[in-house]
Amino acid sequence: MPGAFGKGIERLCGVLAAPTARELRRLLALALRETRTAEIRLDWLKNGAERRAFLKWLKAHCPRKAQLIATCRRRVGGGEFAGDAGEELYWLMQARAAGCAWCDLEVETLRELPGKSVDGYAVPGKILLSMHDFRKTPEFPKKLTVPAMGGATAIKVAAMARSLSDSARILRLAHNSHDVVAIAMGEIGLPARVLALREGSALAYAPVGTATAPGQIALRDLKTLYRAHELTRATRVFGVIGDPIGHSLSPLLHNTGYIAARKDAVYLPFLVENLKDFLKAMPDFGVRGFSVTLPHKEKIFAHLDAVEPLAQKIGAVNTVTVCEDGSLFGSNTDYVGVSRALEKKIKLRGSRVAIYGAGGFRSCRGVRAGPCRSAGFRLCAAAGGGAQAGQSGGRGSDSARGIAHVGVRRTFERHAHRDVSPGKSFAPDGGRVKLSSSHGPHLSPHPDQTPAASRFAKDRLRFRR
C-alpha cells in the first residue's frame, strides 16, 4: 500500500537549506535529479527578502511532477525562524501559492492556534505535523496515529537517540505505517535512518547540501550506496560495530560490493558504546552478522556462544555470524587479510619478523600462536607503544612484554642511521629481519601516537599508509 508520500523513490526526501534564494534554487535542481520529493527549508533563508525572492521564482518555475514540502520552522520547534506563529503561517500560505502541496507544521505552533487547528488558514492542503526532541528519546505510545483534529495528513517524530535501544524504539513507531515519519537523530541513529523506509516510515530525509539535523546521511549516499528505498524484509542486514565508527570505510566497501554482485543486502555502521545495548537492540534491526572493530574485539568474547579455535588463540574476534537459532559465532579474518597483503610486498617464508605497534603484546602473542607458522615465518620480537605496552591486558608476563619492547627499541637505536621503514629489511645480530608496523599514524583512538619514539617516526621510519 503506498504511503502518504507515494512509494519507492518518492519516499526519499531531499532536504534543501541555504541562506540565499539563488543557492536554494541550485539545491532544488540537484535534489530533483535524485528524487521527486523535496523539503524546502524557508526558515534557513537569511531574511524575508530572500524568502520572497525564492517563492516568486518557484511560482513561475515550479516543477510539475515535484512533491514539495514547505517548512518555516520556528526556533521554539528546533528551526531557524525567529518570527512568531502568525509569521510562520504567512510564509506557509505564500508557499502554497507558489506550488507547494505539503507543509511541515510543528506541534508548538499548532498548540498556539485557535482551536488548535489550521482550519481557516490557506496553508498547503497536506500537513505533516511534526515533533522534534533534540535532547533525548521520550516515551512514546506503542502506536502513533494521526490526530482527528487539527487538519494533519501525516505525523513526524524526530528524536535524539542516545542508545541503539532508543533507535530501535523510534524505528518501531514506523512499523507497517503509511502516514508516520520516524527519525532517529544523532550518529547512533544512522542505521535506523537507513532502515526506516523498510520498516514502514512514510519518508526518509537526506540533505542535498548542509545537514539540518544531527546524523543525516547525504541524499546521494542514502539513495545509491544504502539504497534505502529498495530495501525490503528479505534484505539481509549486516554491519560493523565500533566506537568511534564514523571513520570506517567498511560500509562503502561492502555496499559497493553488494551492488556489483547484485546481492540483496545492506551494510551499516553501528556506533556501539555499550555491547549489551547493541545485542539487545540487534533483533529490531534484523542483523544477520557484523564486523567488530575497536574497542570491542576482545570484549565481544563474553557475549559469544562459540568461537573458532584460531580466533581463540589470537585473542580477538573481528567477525560475528548470527546463526539461524540466534546464537553468535565469532571468528577472525584479520590474519588472512594481513598475510595476503604482506605477501604481495614482502617475502615472508623463511623470514624473521619484528612487529611493532601500540596494541599491546596480547595480539602479537596471538599472531605467534598460529598464522605465523602457517605463513612460514618466525616472529622474533614484538614491541608495544610506550605505556600501552606495559598496561596491556595480555596474558604474557610484564617482564616478557618489557623485554620484547626494549629489545626492538634498542635495535632501532643501534640502526638509527639505517632506513628501517616498514617492509624494509635490515640485519641486526647477523640475521635479516622484516619490520612490520601494526599501528600506523592516525589510527583511532590514539591518532597522535606511534609505536617508536617521535624522532624515529619523523626522521627514520617512513610509514606507508
Foldseek 3Di string as FASTA:
>chain_A
DAFPQGAFQSQEEAEAADQALVRSVVLVVVRVVRGQHYEYALLRHNDPVRLVVNLVVLLVPPDPRHAYEYENDDVVQPTRHPDALVVRLVSQLSNVNSPHQEYEDEQVSLVPDVVSACPPRNGRQEYEYEHEAEPEQDDDPQEDDDDPGHRHPAYEYEYEYPFLVSLLSQLSRQAQHRRYAGFHAAQQNQLSLLQSVQRHHNHRYAYCDDDSTHNHHHSCCSCPQSVSSPAYPPAAEEEEEEVPFPVDCVQVVVSVVCVVVVHRYHYYYHHHPDPVRCLVSVVSSNHFKYFYDPPCFQVCVVQAPEEDPLSVLLRGFGIWGQDPVRGIYTYHCVLVVVLVVLVVQAQAAPAEEEEEEAQECSNVSSCQPPSSVVSHHHHDAYAHAPPSHQVHPHPDDSVRRVVRRVVVLVVCVVVVVDQLEQSDWDAPPHHIYGYHYPHDACDPPCNHTTRHDPCCPVPRYDYDD
